[in-house]
Amino acid sequence: MSPINLRMLVPGQKANILKINAMGELGRRIRDMGLVPGTQLEVIGKAPLRDPVALRIEGTTIALRNSEADHIMVEVME
């Protein structure tokens, strides 16, 4: 399967992070949350207006805005 951005995932889907396209302060903030290439994640929910998205990473739940999720390229796990 080809890489897609994190925003495209639906609740219940699992994926591996392939690349972070954000630079500067935003890129650092994303990586500080543990979102680095090679990390597995699961989308556990989205707000009613689809922003933000809730992710489970190594037992921790975090929320990302869609504007942040757009910078994260993932590969969906089957």
Protein backbone atom coordinates (compact mmCIF):
# COMPACT_ATOMS: atom_id res chain seq x y z
CA MET A 1 0.00 0.00 0.00
CA SER A 2 1.28 3.47 -0.81
CA PRO A 3 1.96 6.07 1.91
CA ILE A 4 -0.91 8.32 2.97
CA ASN A 5 -1.11 11.16 5.45
CA LEU A 6 -2.31 10.49 8.97
CA ARG A 7 -5.49 12.54 8.49
CA MET A 8 -6.81 9.89 6.05
CA LEU A 9 -6.92 7.10 8.67
CA VAL A 10 -10.22 6.14 10.28
CA PRO A 11 -10.78 5.05 13.90
CA GLY A 12 -9.55 1.52 14.47
CA GLN A 13 -6.85 1.63 11.79
CA LYS A 14 -3.24 0.96 12.71
CA ALA A 15 -0.25 2.35 10.86
CA ASN A 16 3.51 2.79 10.90
CA ILE A 17 4.97 6.28 10.61
CA LEU A 18 7.17 6.56 7.53
CA LYS A 19 8.10 10.24 7.39
CA ILE A 20 7.52 13.58 9.11
CA ASN A 21 7.29 16.39 6.54
CA ALA A 22 7.11 19.26 9.05
CA MET A 23 10.14 21.46 9.64
CA GLY A 24 11.12 23.90 12.36
CA GLU A 25 9.05 24.30 15.52
CA LEU A 26 6.14 22.15 14.29
CA GLY A 27 8.46 19.31 13.28
CA ARG A 28 10.18 19.40 16.65
CA ARG A 29 6.85 19.45 18.50
CA ILE A 30 5.60 16.41 16.55
CA ARG A 31 8.79 14.47 17.23
CA ASP A 32 8.74 15.47 20.92
CA MET A 33 5.35 13.74 21.22
CA GLY A 34 6.99 10.48 20.13
CA LEU A 35 5.80 10.62 16.52
CA VAL A 36 8.96 9.51 14.75
CA PRO A 37 9.55 7.23 11.75
CA GLY A 38 9.15 3.57 12.68
CA THR A 39 6.58 4.20 15.42
CA GLN A 40 3.34 2.21 15.32
CA LEU A 41 0.10 4.00 16.12
CA GLU A 42 -3.64 3.40 16.20
CA VAL A 43 -6.37 5.94 15.55
CA ILE A 44 -8.79 5.61 18.45
CA GLY A 45 -11.19 8.39 17.61
CA LYS A 46 -12.01 11.67 15.92
CA ALA A 47 -13.98 14.62 17.20
CA PRO A 48 -17.44 15.18 15.66
CA LEU A 49 -16.04 17.71 13.19
CA ARG A 50 -13.05 15.37 12.54
CA ASP A 51 -10.57 17.65 14.27
CA PRO A 52 -8.66 16.71 16.40
CA VAL A 53 -7.77 13.05 15.96
CA ALA A 54 -6.92 10.84 18.98
CA LEU A 55 -4.01 8.43 18.63
CA ARG A 56 -2.69 5.59 20.79
CA ILE A 57 1.09 5.31 20.75
CA GLU A 58 2.84 2.80 22.99
CA GLY A 59 0.04 2.90 25.56
CA THR A 60 -0.28 6.70 25.54
CA THR A 61 -3.19 8.65 24.04
CA ILE A 62 -2.45 11.94 22.31
CA ALA A 63 -4.52 14.31 20.20
CA LEU A 64 -3.38 16.01 17.01
CA ARG A 65 -4.99 18.73 14.95
CA ASN A 66 -5.58 17.85 11.30
CA SER A 67 -3.13 20.59 10.33
CA GLU A 68 -0.46 18.64 12.25
CA ALA A 69 -1.59 15.20 11.03
CA ASP A 70 -1.21 16.38 7.42
CA HIS A 71 2.59 16.45 7.89
CA ILE A 72 2.84 12.79 8.96
CA MET A 73 3.09 10.11 6.27
CA VAL A 74 2.08 6.59 7.33
CA GLU A 75 1.73 3.09 5.93
CA VAL A 76 -1.47 1.28 6.95
CA MET A 77 -0.94 -2.06 8.68
CA GLU A 78 -3.13 -4.92 7.50
